[in-house]
Full PDB file with SEQRES, HELIX, SHEET, SSBOND, CRYST1, ORIGX, SCALE, CONECT and MASTER records, all heavy atoms in Angstrom:
SEQRES   1 A   39  MET ASN TYR ALA TYR ALA PRO ASN LEU PRO ILE MET GLU          
SEQRES   2 A   39  PHE GLN LEU ARG GLY THR TYR ASN LEU PHE ASP LYS PHE          
SEQRES   3 A   39  ILE LEU ASN LEU ASN GLY ARG ILE GLU THR GLY ARG LYS          
SHEET    1 AA1 2 MET A  12  LEU A  22  0                                        
SHEET    2 AA1 2 PHE A  26  THR A  36 -1                                        
CRYST1    1.000    1.000    1.000  90.00  90.00  90.00 P 1           1          
ORIGX1      1.000000  0.000000  0.000000        0.00000                         
ORIGX2      0.000000  1.000000  0.000000        0.00000                         
ORIGX3      0.000000  0.000000  1.000000        0.00000                         
SCALE1      1.000000  0.000000  0.000000        0.00000                         
SCALE2      0.000000  1.000000  0.000000        0.00000                         
SCALE3      0.000000  0.000000  1.000000        0.00000                         
ATOM      1  N   MET A   1     -24.623  -0.048  -9.682  1.00  0.00           N  
ATOM      2  CA  MET A   1     -26.005   0.033 -10.157  1.00  0.00           C  
ATOM      3  C   MET A   1     -26.896   0.770  -9.151  1.00  0.00           C  
ATOM      4  O   MET A   1     -27.756   1.577  -9.544  1.00  0.00           O  
ATOM      5  CB  MET A   1     -26.554  -1.393 -10.398  1.00  0.00           C  
ATOM      6  CG  MET A   1     -28.006  -1.422 -10.856  1.00  0.00           C  
ATOM      7  SD  MET A   1     -28.620  -3.111 -11.127  1.00  0.00           S  
ATOM      8  CE  MET A   1     -27.596  -3.606 -12.514  1.00  0.00           C  
ATOM      9  N   ASN A   2     -26.704   0.508  -7.832  1.00  0.00           N  
ATOM     10  CA  ASN A   2     -27.628   1.023  -6.840  1.00  0.00           C  
ATOM     11  C   ASN A   2     -27.016   2.079  -5.898  1.00  0.00           C  
ATOM     12  O   ASN A   2     -27.758   2.658  -5.092  1.00  0.00           O  
ATOM     13  CB  ASN A   2     -28.182  -0.120  -5.989  1.00  0.00           C  
ATOM     14  CG  ASN A   2     -28.926  -1.131  -6.832  1.00  0.00           C  
ATOM     15  OD1 ASN A   2     -29.826  -0.782  -7.582  1.00  0.00           O  
ATOM     16  ND2 ASN A   2     -28.550  -2.411  -6.700  1.00  0.00           N  
ATOM     17  N   TYR A   3     -25.744   2.331  -5.981  1.00  0.00           N  
ATOM     18  CA  TYR A   3     -25.076   3.257  -5.076  1.00  0.00           C  
ATOM     19  C   TYR A   3     -24.220   4.228  -5.844  1.00  0.00           C  
ATOM     20  O   TYR A   3     -23.659   3.921  -6.903  1.00  0.00           O  
ATOM     21  CB  TYR A   3     -24.227   2.491  -4.036  1.00  0.00           C  
ATOM     22  CG  TYR A   3     -25.040   1.611  -3.125  1.00  0.00           C  
ATOM     23  CD1 TYR A   3     -25.278   0.271  -3.452  1.00  0.00           C  
ATOM     24  CD2 TYR A   3     -25.601   2.110  -1.942  1.00  0.00           C  
ATOM     25  CE1 TYR A   3     -26.040  -0.546  -2.653  1.00  0.00           C  
ATOM     26  CE2 TYR A   3     -26.380   1.301  -1.128  1.00  0.00           C  
ATOM     27  CZ  TYR A   3     -26.588  -0.014  -1.481  1.00  0.00           C  
ATOM     28  OH  TYR A   3     -27.352  -0.831  -0.685  1.00  0.00           O  
ATOM     29  N   ALA A   4     -24.103   5.437  -5.285  1.00  0.00           N  
ATOM     30  CA  ALA A   4     -23.345   6.485  -5.959  1.00  0.00           C  
ATOM     31  C   ALA A   4     -21.830   6.247  -5.822  1.00  0.00           C  
ATOM     32  O   ALA A   4     -21.051   6.644  -6.704  1.00  0.00           O  
ATOM     33  CB  ALA A   4     -23.722   7.854  -5.396  1.00  0.00           C  
ATOM     34  N   TYR A   5     -21.411   5.667  -4.718  1.00  0.00           N  
ATOM     35  CA  TYR A   5     -19.981   5.379  -4.462  1.00  0.00           C  
ATOM     36  C   TYR A   5     -19.834   3.913  -4.073  1.00  0.00           C  
ATOM     37  O   TYR A   5     -20.748   3.311  -3.511  1.00  0.00           O  
ATOM     38  CB  TYR A   5     -19.441   6.288  -3.366  1.00  0.00           C  
ATOM     39  CG  TYR A   5     -19.472   7.768  -3.677  1.00  0.00           C  
ATOM     40  CD1 TYR A   5     -20.483   8.571  -3.226  1.00  0.00           C  
ATOM     41  CD2 TYR A   5     -18.454   8.338  -4.459  1.00  0.00           C  
ATOM     42  CE1 TYR A   5     -20.525   9.929  -3.516  1.00  0.00           C  
ATOM     43  CE2 TYR A   5     -18.481   9.703  -4.759  1.00  0.00           C  
ATOM     44  CZ  TYR A   5     -19.526  10.479  -4.292  1.00  0.00           C  
ATOM     45  OH  TYR A   5     -19.552  11.806  -4.588  1.00  0.00           O  
ATOM     46  N   ALA A   6     -18.640   3.404  -4.344  1.00  0.00           N  
ATOM     47  CA  ALA A   6     -18.326   2.027  -3.936  1.00  0.00           C  
ATOM     48  C   ALA A   6     -17.847   2.050  -2.473  1.00  0.00           C  
ATOM     49  O   ALA A   6     -16.768   2.605  -2.204  1.00  0.00           O  
ATOM     50  CB  ALA A   6     -17.237   1.433  -4.833  1.00  0.00           C  
ATOM     51  N   PRO A   7     -18.626   1.521  -1.538  1.00  0.00           N  
ATOM     52  CA  PRO A   7     -18.262   1.625  -0.121  1.00  0.00           C  
ATOM     53  C   PRO A   7     -16.898   1.032   0.173  1.00  0.00           C  
ATOM     54  O   PRO A   7     -16.591  -0.105  -0.164  1.00  0.00           O  
ATOM     55  CB  PRO A   7     -19.374   0.836   0.598  1.00  0.00           C  
ATOM     56  CG  PRO A   7     -20.512   0.848  -0.356  1.00  0.00           C  
ATOM     57  CD  PRO A   7     -19.919   0.834  -1.737  1.00  0.00           C  
ATOM     58  N   ASN A   8     -16.040   1.858   0.792  1.00  0.00           N  
ATOM     59  CA  ASN A   8     -14.741   1.482   1.320  1.00  0.00           C  
ATOM     60  C   ASN A   8     -13.678   1.166   0.280  1.00  0.00           C  
ATOM     61  O   ASN A   8     -12.568   0.780   0.639  1.00  0.00           O  
ATOM     62  CB  ASN A   8     -14.863   0.286   2.289  1.00  0.00           C  
ATOM     63  CG  ASN A   8     -13.884   0.364   3.431  1.00  0.00           C  
ATOM     64  OD1 ASN A   8     -14.041   1.156   4.355  1.00  0.00           O  
ATOM     65  ND2 ASN A   8     -12.841  -0.469   3.378  1.00  0.00           N  
ATOM     66  N   LEU A   9     -13.954   1.352  -0.979  1.00  0.00           N  
ATOM     67  CA  LEU A   9     -12.943   1.100  -2.002  1.00  0.00           C  
ATOM     68  C   LEU A   9     -12.163   2.368  -2.313  1.00  0.00           C  
ATOM     69  O   LEU A   9     -12.780   3.446  -2.471  1.00  0.00           O  
ATOM     70  CB  LEU A   9     -13.576   0.564  -3.289  1.00  0.00           C  
ATOM     71  CG  LEU A   9     -14.239  -0.813  -3.173  1.00  0.00           C  
ATOM     72  CD1 LEU A   9     -14.704  -1.272  -4.562  1.00  0.00           C  
ATOM     73  CD2 LEU A   9     -13.300  -1.854  -2.598  1.00  0.00           C  
ATOM     74  N   PRO A  10     -10.853   2.318  -2.425  1.00  0.00           N  
ATOM     75  CA  PRO A  10     -10.039   3.520  -2.649  1.00  0.00           C  
ATOM     76  C   PRO A  10     -10.042   3.951  -4.122  1.00  0.00           C  
ATOM     77  O   PRO A  10     -10.148   3.136  -5.031  1.00  0.00           O  
ATOM     78  CB  PRO A  10      -8.640   3.086  -2.225  1.00  0.00           C  
ATOM     79  CG  PRO A  10      -8.606   1.604  -2.549  1.00  0.00           C  
ATOM     80  CD  PRO A  10     -10.013   1.101  -2.250  1.00  0.00           C  
ATOM     81  N   ILE A  11      -9.923   5.266  -4.314  1.00  0.00           N  
ATOM     82  CA  ILE A  11      -9.765   5.803  -5.669  1.00  0.00           C  
ATOM     83  C   ILE A  11      -8.298   5.834  -6.064  1.00  0.00           C  
ATOM     84  O   ILE A  11      -7.936   5.415  -7.170  1.00  0.00           O  
ATOM     85  CB  ILE A  11     -10.376   7.207  -5.739  1.00  0.00           C  
ATOM     86  CG1 ILE A  11     -11.910   7.115  -5.521  1.00  0.00           C  
ATOM     87  CG2 ILE A  11     -10.092   7.854  -7.090  1.00  0.00           C  
ATOM     88  CD1 ILE A  11     -12.595   8.441  -5.517  1.00  0.00           C  
ATOM     89  N   MET A  12      -7.434   6.310  -5.175  1.00  0.00           N  
ATOM     90  CA  MET A  12      -5.985   6.320  -5.459  1.00  0.00           C  
ATOM     91  C   MET A  12      -5.277   5.362  -4.496  1.00  0.00           C  
ATOM     92  O   MET A  12      -5.582   5.314  -3.316  1.00  0.00           O  
ATOM     93  CB  MET A  12      -5.436   7.733  -5.277  1.00  0.00           C  
ATOM     94  CG  MET A  12      -5.933   8.735  -6.282  1.00  0.00           C  
ATOM     95  SD  MET A  12      -5.437   8.355  -7.980  1.00  0.00           S  
ATOM     96  CE  MET A  12      -3.633   8.325  -7.845  1.00  0.00           C  
ATOM     97  N   GLU A  13      -4.339   4.605  -5.063  1.00  0.00           N  
ATOM     98  CA  GLU A  13      -3.539   3.666  -4.262  1.00  0.00           C  
ATOM     99  C   GLU A  13      -2.063   3.836  -4.619  1.00  0.00           C  
ATOM    100  O   GLU A  13      -1.695   3.942  -5.786  1.00  0.00           O  
ATOM    101  CB  GLU A  13      -3.955   2.233  -4.551  1.00  0.00           C  
ATOM    102  CG  GLU A  13      -5.379   1.879  -4.226  1.00  0.00           C  
ATOM    103  CD  GLU A  13      -5.705   0.454  -4.636  1.00  0.00           C  
ATOM    104  OE1 GLU A  13      -5.367  -0.479  -3.862  1.00  0.00           O  
ATOM    105  OE2 GLU A  13      -6.276   0.248  -5.718  1.00  0.00           O  
ATOM    106  N   PHE A  14      -1.241   3.820  -3.576  1.00  0.00           N  
ATOM    107  CA  PHE A  14       0.201   3.876  -3.736  1.00  0.00           C  
ATOM    108  C   PHE A  14       0.823   2.790  -2.849  1.00  0.00           C  
ATOM    109  O   PHE A  14       0.444   2.645  -1.668  1.00  0.00           O  
ATOM    110  CB  PHE A  14       0.767   5.251  -3.362  1.00  0.00           C  
ATOM    111  CG  PHE A  14       0.195   6.373  -4.147  1.00  0.00           C  
ATOM    112  CD1 PHE A  14      -0.887   7.067  -3.654  1.00  0.00           C  
ATOM    113  CD2 PHE A  14       0.739   6.740  -5.386  1.00  0.00           C  
ATOM    114  CE1 PHE A  14      -1.453   8.138  -4.380  1.00  0.00           C  
ATOM    115  CE2 PHE A  14       0.190   7.767  -6.096  1.00  0.00           C  
ATOM    116  CZ  PHE A  14      -0.909   8.475  -5.597  1.00  0.00           C  
ATOM    117  N   GLN A  15       1.790   2.043  -3.387  1.00  0.00           N  
ATOM    118  CA  GLN A  15       2.443   0.995  -2.622  1.00  0.00           C  
ATOM    119  C   GLN A  15       3.968   1.106  -2.823  1.00  0.00           C  
ATOM    120  O   GLN A  15       4.429   1.443  -3.915  1.00  0.00           O  
ATOM    121  CB  GLN A  15       1.971  -0.364  -3.055  1.00  0.00           C  
ATOM    122  CG  GLN A  15       0.486  -0.607  -2.850  1.00  0.00           C  
ATOM    123  CD  GLN A  15       0.032  -1.977  -3.366  1.00  0.00           C  
ATOM    124  OE1 GLN A  15       0.854  -2.863  -3.637  1.00  0.00           O  
ATOM    125  NE2 GLN A  15      -1.283  -2.146  -3.516  1.00  0.00           N  
ATOM    126  N   LEU A  16       4.690   0.803  -1.756  1.00  0.00           N  
ATOM    127  CA  LEU A  16       6.156   0.850  -1.824  1.00  0.00           C  
ATOM    128  C   LEU A  16       6.697  -0.322  -1.012  1.00  0.00           C  
ATOM    129  O   LEU A  16       6.272  -0.546   0.128  1.00  0.00           O  
ATOM    130  CB  LEU A  16       6.686   2.171  -1.252  1.00  0.00           C  
ATOM    131  CG  LEU A  16       8.217   2.309  -1.149  1.00  0.00           C  
ATOM    132  CD1 LEU A  16       8.832   2.308  -2.567  1.00  0.00           C  
ATOM    133  CD2 LEU A  16       8.596   3.565  -0.396  1.00  0.00           C  
ATOM    134  N   ARG A  17       7.655  -1.055  -1.601  1.00  0.00           N  
ATOM    135  CA  ARG A  17       8.317  -2.157  -0.903  1.00  0.00           C  
ATOM    136  C   ARG A  17       9.801  -2.117  -1.166  1.00  0.00           C  
ATOM    137  O   ARG A  17      10.226  -1.783  -2.283  1.00  0.00           O  
ATOM    138  CB  ARG A  17       7.739  -3.506  -1.340  1.00  0.00           C  
ATOM    139  CG  ARG A  17       6.278  -3.730  -1.001  1.00  0.00           C  
ATOM    140  CD  ARG A  17       5.817  -5.096  -1.449  1.00  0.00           C  
ATOM    141  NE  ARG A  17       5.954  -5.257  -2.894  1.00  0.00           N  
ATOM    142  CZ  ARG A  17       5.635  -6.353  -3.581  1.00  0.00           C  
ATOM    143  NH1 ARG A  17       5.180  -7.399  -2.918  1.00  0.00           N  
ATOM    144  NH2 ARG A  17       5.776  -6.419  -4.865  1.00  0.00           N  
ATOM    145  N   GLY A  18      10.570  -2.455  -0.159  1.00  0.00           N  
ATOM    146  CA  GLY A  18      12.016  -2.489  -0.328  1.00  0.00           C  
ATOM    147  C   GLY A  18      12.658  -3.471   0.633  1.00  0.00           C  
ATOM    148  O   GLY A  18      12.215  -3.631   1.764  1.00  0.00           O  
ATOM    149  N   THR A  19      13.698  -4.153   0.157  1.00  0.00           N  
ATOM    150  CA  THR A  19      14.467  -5.085   0.965  1.00  0.00           C  
ATOM    151  C   THR A  19      15.954  -4.847   0.721  1.00  0.00           C  
ATOM    152  O   THR A  19      16.384  -4.709  -0.437  1.00  0.00           O  
ATOM    153  CB  THR A  19      14.116  -6.543   0.625  1.00  0.00           C  
ATOM    154  OG1 THR A  19      12.710  -6.761   0.814  1.00  0.00           O  
ATOM    155  CG2 THR A  19      14.848  -7.507   1.513  1.00  0.00           C  
ATOM    156  N   TYR A  20      16.734  -4.833   1.831  1.00  0.00           N  
ATOM    157  CA  TYR A  20      18.160  -4.626   1.723  1.00  0.00           C  
ATOM    158  C   TYR A  20      18.879  -5.725   2.504  1.00  0.00           C  
ATOM    159  O   TYR A  20      18.583  -5.931   3.690  1.00  0.00           O  
ATOM    160  CB  TYR A  20      18.572  -3.249   2.237  1.00  0.00           C  
ATOM    161  CG  TYR A  20      20.044  -2.966   2.107  1.00  0.00           C  
ATOM    162  CD1 TYR A  20      20.643  -2.820   0.865  1.00  0.00           C  
ATOM    163  CD2 TYR A  20      20.851  -2.853   3.230  1.00  0.00           C  
ATOM    164  CE1 TYR A  20      21.978  -2.551   0.740  1.00  0.00           C  
ATOM    165  CE2 TYR A  20      22.202  -2.581   3.119  1.00  0.00           C  
ATOM    166  CZ  TYR A  20      22.770  -2.439   1.858  1.00  0.00           C  
ATOM    167  OH  TYR A  20      24.110  -2.185   1.723  1.00  0.00           O  
ATOM    168  N   ASN A  21      19.795  -6.423   1.852  1.00  0.00           N  
ATOM    169  CA  ASN A  21      20.526  -7.533   2.459  1.00  0.00           C  
ATOM    170  C   ASN A  21      21.965  -7.097   2.640  1.00  0.00           C  
ATOM    171  O   ASN A  21      22.686  -6.869   1.664  1.00  0.00           O  
ATOM    172  CB  ASN A  21      20.441  -8.762   1.551  1.00  0.00           C  
ATOM    173  CG  ASN A  21      21.059  -9.981   2.181  1.00  0.00           C  
ATOM    174  OD1 ASN A  21      21.941  -9.901   3.040  1.00  0.00           O  
ATOM    175  ND2 ASN A  21      20.585 -11.151   1.787  1.00  0.00           N  
ATOM    176  N   LEU A  22      22.411  -6.969   3.895  1.00  0.00           N  
ATOM    177  CA  LEU A  22      23.779  -6.538   4.195  1.00  0.00           C  
ATOM    178  C   LEU A  22      24.597  -7.730   4.677  1.00  0.00           C  
ATOM    179  O   LEU A  22      24.420  -8.207   5.804  1.00  0.00           O  
ATOM    180  CB  LEU A  22      23.720  -5.429   5.269  1.00  0.00           C  
ATOM    181  CG  LEU A  22      25.090  -4.825   5.672  1.00  0.00           C  
ATOM    182  CD1 LEU A  22      25.751  -4.142   4.466  1.00  0.00           C  
ATOM    183  CD2 LEU A  22      24.890  -3.828   6.807  1.00  0.00           C  
ATOM    184  N   PHE A  23      25.459  -8.218   3.808  1.00  0.00           N  
ATOM    185  CA  PHE A  23      26.394  -9.302   4.124  1.00  0.00           C  
ATOM    186  C   PHE A  23      25.661 -10.584   4.577  1.00  0.00           C  
ATOM    187  O   PHE A  23      26.257 -11.389   5.326  1.00  0.00           O  
ATOM    188  CB  PHE A  23      27.386  -8.890   5.204  1.00  0.00           C  
ATOM    189  CG  PHE A  23      28.095  -7.603   4.943  1.00  0.00           C  
ATOM    190  CD1 PHE A  23      28.048  -6.555   5.840  1.00  0.00           C  
ATOM    191  CD2 PHE A  23      28.790  -7.406   3.743  1.00  0.00           C  
ATOM    192  CE1 PHE A  23      28.673  -5.338   5.588  1.00  0.00           C  
ATOM    193  CE2 PHE A  23      29.434  -6.187   3.481  1.00  0.00           C  
ATOM    194  CZ  PHE A  23      29.363  -5.180   4.410  1.00  0.00           C  
ATOM    195  N   ASP A  24      24.419 -10.768   4.161  1.00  0.00           N  
ATOM    196  CA  ASP A  24      23.629 -11.939   4.619  1.00  0.00           C  
ATOM    197  C   ASP A  24      23.513 -12.034   6.130  1.00  0.00           C  
ATOM    198  O   ASP A  24      23.200 -13.108   6.662  1.00  0.00           O  
ATOM    199  CB  ASP A  24      24.234 -13.221   4.054  1.00  0.00           C  
ATOM    200  CG  ASP A  24      23.919 -13.413   2.592  1.00  0.00           C  
ATOM    201  OD1 ASP A  24      22.879 -12.926   2.140  1.00  0.00           O  
ATOM    202  OD2 ASP A  24      24.740 -14.049   1.891  1.00  0.00           O  
ATOM    203  N   LYS A  25      23.745 -10.940   6.800  1.00  0.00           N  
ATOM    204  CA  LYS A  25      23.618 -10.883   8.263  1.00  0.00           C  
ATOM    205  C   LYS A  25      22.455 -10.017   8.707  1.00  0.00           C  
ATOM    206  O   LYS A  25      21.705 -10.353   9.615  1.00  0.00           O  
ATOM    207  CB  LYS A  25      24.924 -10.357   8.888  1.00  0.00           C  
ATOM    208  CG  LYS A  25      26.066 -11.355   8.897  1.00  0.00           C  
ATOM    209  CD  LYS A  25      25.792 -12.507   9.857  1.00  0.00           C  
ATOM    210  CE  LYS A  25      26.980 -13.428   9.975  1.00  0.00           C  
ATOM    211  NZ  LYS A  25      26.700 -14.570  10.907  1.00  0.00           N  
ATOM    212  N   PHE A  26      22.322  -8.838   8.083  1.00  0.00           N  
ATOM    213  CA  PHE A  26      21.261  -7.921   8.416  1.00  0.00           C  
ATOM    214  C   PHE A  26      20.300  -7.808   7.217  1.00  0.00           C  
ATOM    215  O   PHE A  26      20.721  -7.488   6.119  1.00  0.00           O  
ATOM    216  CB  PHE A  26      21.818  -6.548   8.770  1.00  0.00           C  
ATOM    217  CG  PHE A  26      22.658  -6.542  10.012  1.00  0.00           C  
ATOM    218  CD1 PHE A  26      24.021  -6.696   9.951  1.00  0.00           C  
ATOM    219  CD2 PHE A  26      22.063  -6.365  11.263  1.00  0.00           C  
ATOM    220  CE1 PHE A  26      24.817  -6.680  11.084  1.00  0.00           C  
ATOM    221  CE2 PHE A  26      22.851  -6.343  12.403  1.00  0.00           C  
ATOM    222  CZ  PHE A  26      24.209  -6.512  12.324  1.00  0.00           C  
ATOM    223  N   ILE A  27      19.037  -8.069   7.465  1.00  0.00           N  
ATOM    224  CA  ILE A  27      18.009  -7.956   6.449  1.00  0.00           C  
ATOM    225  C   ILE A  27      17.035  -6.860   6.868  1.00  0.00           C  
ATOM    226  O   ILE A  27      16.395  -6.956   7.911  1.00  0.00           O  
ATOM    227  CB  ILE A  27      17.232  -9.280   6.263  1.00  0.00           C  
ATOM    228  CG1 ILE A  27      18.201 -10.458   6.095  1.00  0.00           C  
ATOM    229  CG2 ILE A  27      16.270  -9.168   5.084  1.00  0.00           C  
ATOM    230  CD1 ILE A  27      19.064 -10.365   4.867  1.00  0.00           C  
ATOM    231  N   LEU A  28      17.009  -5.796   6.079  1.00  0.00           N  
ATOM    232  CA  LEU A  28      16.099  -4.681   6.359  1.00  0.00           C  
ATOM    233  C   LEU A  28      14.987  -4.661   5.338  1.00  0.00           C  
ATOM    234  O   LEU A  28      15.232  -4.851   4.127  1.00  0.00           O  
ATOM    235  CB  LEU A  28      16.874  -3.351   6.313  1.00  0.00           C  
ATOM    236  CG  LEU A  28      18.146  -3.250   7.162  1.00  0.00           C  
ATOM    237  CD1 LEU A  28      18.808  -1.909   6.962  1.00  0.00           C  
ATOM    238  CD2 LEU A  28      17.826  -3.487   8.637  1.00  0.00           C  
ATOM    239  N   ASN A  29      13.780  -4.433   5.766  1.00  0.00           N  
ATOM    240  CA  ASN A  29      12.674  -4.404   4.827  1.00  0.00           C  
ATOM    241  C   ASN A  29      11.684  -3.269   5.195  1.00  0.00           C  
ATOM    242  O   ASN A  29      11.492  -2.966   6.390  1.00  0.00           O  
ATOM    243  CB  ASN A  29      11.943  -5.722   4.763  1.00  0.00           C  
ATOM    244  CG  ASN A  29      11.322  -6.140   6.084  1.00  0.00           C  
ATOM    245  OD1 ASN A  29      10.254  -5.630   6.461  1.00  0.00           O  
ATOM    246  ND2 ASN A  29      11.974  -7.028   6.796  1.00  0.00           N  
ATOM    247  N   LEU A  30      11.148  -2.659   4.177  1.00  0.00           N  
ATOM    248  CA  LEU A  30      10.195  -1.570   4.351  1.00  0.00           C  
ATOM    249  C   LEU A  30       9.032  -1.795   3.381  1.00  0.00           C  
ATOM    250  O   LEU A  30       9.254  -2.086   2.218  1.00  0.00           O  
ATOM    251  CB  LEU A  30      10.854  -0.201   4.069  1.00  0.00           C  
ATOM    252  CG  LEU A  30       9.912   1.012   4.054  1.00  0.00           C  
ATOM    253  CD1 LEU A  30       9.436   1.322   5.456  1.00  0.00           C  
ATOM    254  CD2 LEU A  30      10.617   2.216   3.447  1.00  0.00           C  
ATOM    255  N   ASN A  31       7.828  -1.669   3.870  1.00  0.00           N  
ATOM    256  CA  ASN A  31       6.662  -1.727   2.991  1.00  0.00           C  
ATOM    257  C   ASN A  31       5.614  -0.751   3.514  1.00  0.00           C  
ATOM    258  O   ASN A  31       5.445  -0.575   4.709  1.00  0.00           O  
ATOM    259  CB  ASN A  31       6.100  -3.163   2.884  1.00  0.00           C  
ATOM    260  CG  ASN A  31       5.513  -3.643   4.192  1.00  0.00           C  
ATOM    261  OD1 ASN A  31       4.395  -3.321   4.549  1.00  0.00           O  
ATOM    262  ND2 ASN A  31       6.278  -4.464   4.932  1.00  0.00           N  
ATOM    263  N   GLY A  32       4.942  -0.146   2.570  1.00  0.00           N  
ATOM    264  CA  GLY A  32       3.933   0.853   2.963  1.00  0.00           C  
ATOM    265  C   GLY A  32       2.884   1.019   1.900  1.00  0.00           C  
ATOM    266  O   GLY A  32       3.069   0.644   0.733  1.00  0.00           O  
ATOM    267  N   ARG A  33       1.773   1.617   2.306  1.00  0.00           N  
ATOM    268  CA  ARG A  33       0.696   1.891   1.370  1.00  0.00           C  
ATOM    269  C   ARG A  33      -0.013   3.183   1.741  1.00  0.00           C  
ATOM    270  O   ARG A  33      -0.098   3.533   2.940  1.00  0.00           O  
ATOM    271  CB  ARG A  33      -0.305   0.725   1.326  1.00  0.00           C  
ATOM    272  CG  ARG A  33      -1.051   0.502   2.640  1.00  0.00           C  
ATOM    273  CD  ARG A  33      -1.900  -0.749   2.568  1.00  0.00           C  
ATOM    274  NE  ARG A  33      -2.531  -1.043   3.852  1.00  0.00           N  
ATOM    275  CZ  ARG A  33      -3.834  -0.920   4.082  1.00  0.00           C  
ATOM    276  NH1 ARG A  33      -4.654  -0.522   3.138  1.00  0.00           N  
ATOM    277  NH2 ARG A  33      -4.347  -1.199   5.273  1.00  0.00           N  
ATOM    278  N   ILE A  34      -0.517   3.834   0.749  1.00  0.00           N  
ATOM    279  CA  ILE A  34      -1.340   5.039   0.914  1.00  0.00           C  
ATOM    280  C   ILE A  34      -2.585   4.859   0.076  1.00  0.00           C  
ATOM    281  O   ILE A  34      -2.501   4.494  -1.116  1.00  0.00           O  
ATOM    282  CB  ILE A  34      -0.579   6.317   0.492  1.00  0.00           C  
ATOM    283  CG1 ILE A  34       0.673   6.503   1.331  1.00  0.00           C  
ATOM    284  CG2 ILE A  34      -1.485   7.543   0.627  1.00  0.00           C  
ATOM    285  CD1 ILE A  34       1.522   7.694   0.867  1.00  0.00           C  
ATOM    286  N   GLU A  35      -3.766   5.072   0.677  1.00  0.00           N  
ATOM    287  CA  GLU A  35      -5.019   4.961  -0.048  1.00  0.00           C  
ATOM    288  C   GLU A  35      -5.876   6.190   0.251  1.00  0.00           C  
ATOM    289  O   GLU A  35      -5.958   6.641   1.396  1.00  0.00           O  
ATOM    290  CB  GLU A  35      -5.784   3.691   0.366  1.00  0.00           C  
ATOM    291  CG  GLU A  35      -5.064   2.391   0.017  1.00  0.00           C  
ATOM    292  CD  GLU A  35      -5.862   1.165   0.397  1.00  0.00           C  
ATOM    293  OE1 GLU A  35      -7.038   1.336   0.872  1.00  0.00           O  
ATOM    294  OE2 GLU A  35      -5.373   0.037   0.209  1.00  0.00           O  
ATOM    295  N   THR A  36      -6.511   6.732  -0.755  1.00  0.00           N  
ATOM    296  CA  THR A  36      -7.372   7.892  -0.598  1.00  0.00           C  
ATOM    297  C   THR A  36      -8.670   7.664  -1.344  1.00  0.00           C  
ATOM    298  O   THR A  36      -8.757   6.823  -2.252  1.00  0.00           O  
ATOM    299  CB  THR A  36      -6.702   9.177  -1.113  1.00  0.00           C  
ATOM    300  OG1 THR A  36      -6.464   9.056  -2.526  1.00  0.00           O  
ATOM    301  CG2 THR A  36      -5.366   9.411  -0.422  1.00  0.00           C  
ATOM    302  N   GLY A  37      -9.676   8.462  -0.977  1.00  0.00           N  
ATOM    303  CA  GLY A  37     -10.932   8.432  -1.711  1.00  0.00           C  
ATOM    304  C   GLY A  37     -11.961   7.441  -1.194  1.00  0.00           C  
ATOM    305  O   GLY A  37     -13.029   7.255  -1.819  1.00  0.00           O  
ATOM    306  N   ARG A  38     -11.715   6.775  -0.056  1.00  0.00           N  
ATOM    307  CA  ARG A  38     -12.681   5.808   0.460  1.00  0.00           C  
ATOM    308  C   ARG A  38     -13.857   6.523   1.136  1.00  0.00           C  
ATOM    309  O   ARG A  38     -13.685   7.506   1.829  1.00  0.00           O  
ATOM    310  CB  ARG A  38     -12.016   4.862   1.432  1.00  0.00           C  
ATOM    311  CG  ARG A  38     -10.858   4.036   0.870  1.00  0.00           C  
ATOM    312  CD  ARG A  38     -10.254   3.145   1.906  1.00  0.00           C  
ATOM    313  NE  ARG A  38      -9.889   3.908   3.096  1.00  0.00           N  
ATOM    314  CZ  ARG A  38     -10.220   3.609   4.336  1.00  0.00           C  
ATOM    315  NH1 ARG A  38     -10.956   2.550   4.585  1.00  0.00           N  
ATOM    316  NH2 ARG A  38      -9.819   4.363   5.341  1.00  0.00           N  
ATOM    317  N   LYS A  39     -15.046   5.941   0.990  1.00  0.00           N  
ATOM    318  CA  LYS A  39     -16.256   6.491   1.595  1.00  0.00           C  
ATOM    319  C   LYS A  39     -17.081   5.380   2.213  1.00  0.00           C  
ATOM    320  O   LYS A  39     -17.054   4.241   1.733  1.00  0.00           O  
ATOM    321  CB  LYS A  39     -17.087   7.253   0.567  1.00  0.00           C  
ATOM    322  CG  LYS A  39     -16.486   8.581   0.116  1.00  0.00           C  
ATOM    323  CD  LYS A  39     -17.359   9.295  -0.874  1.00  0.00           C  
ATOM    324  CE  LYS A  39     -16.821  10.681  -1.213  1.00  0.00           C  
ATOM    325  NZ  LYS A  39     -15.452  10.629  -1.760  1.00  0.00           N  
TER     326      LYS A  39                                                      
MASTER        0    0    0    0    2    0    0    6  325    1    0    3          
END                                                                             
């Protein structure tokens, strides 16, 4: 209503998560995010 842009909110968002269980001994995990368009 009062501002041209939403402060600090992203326009584009990308998320990635992955988990790999090797023989119940080694647990590998990866997670990431990309955000663009914040002002």
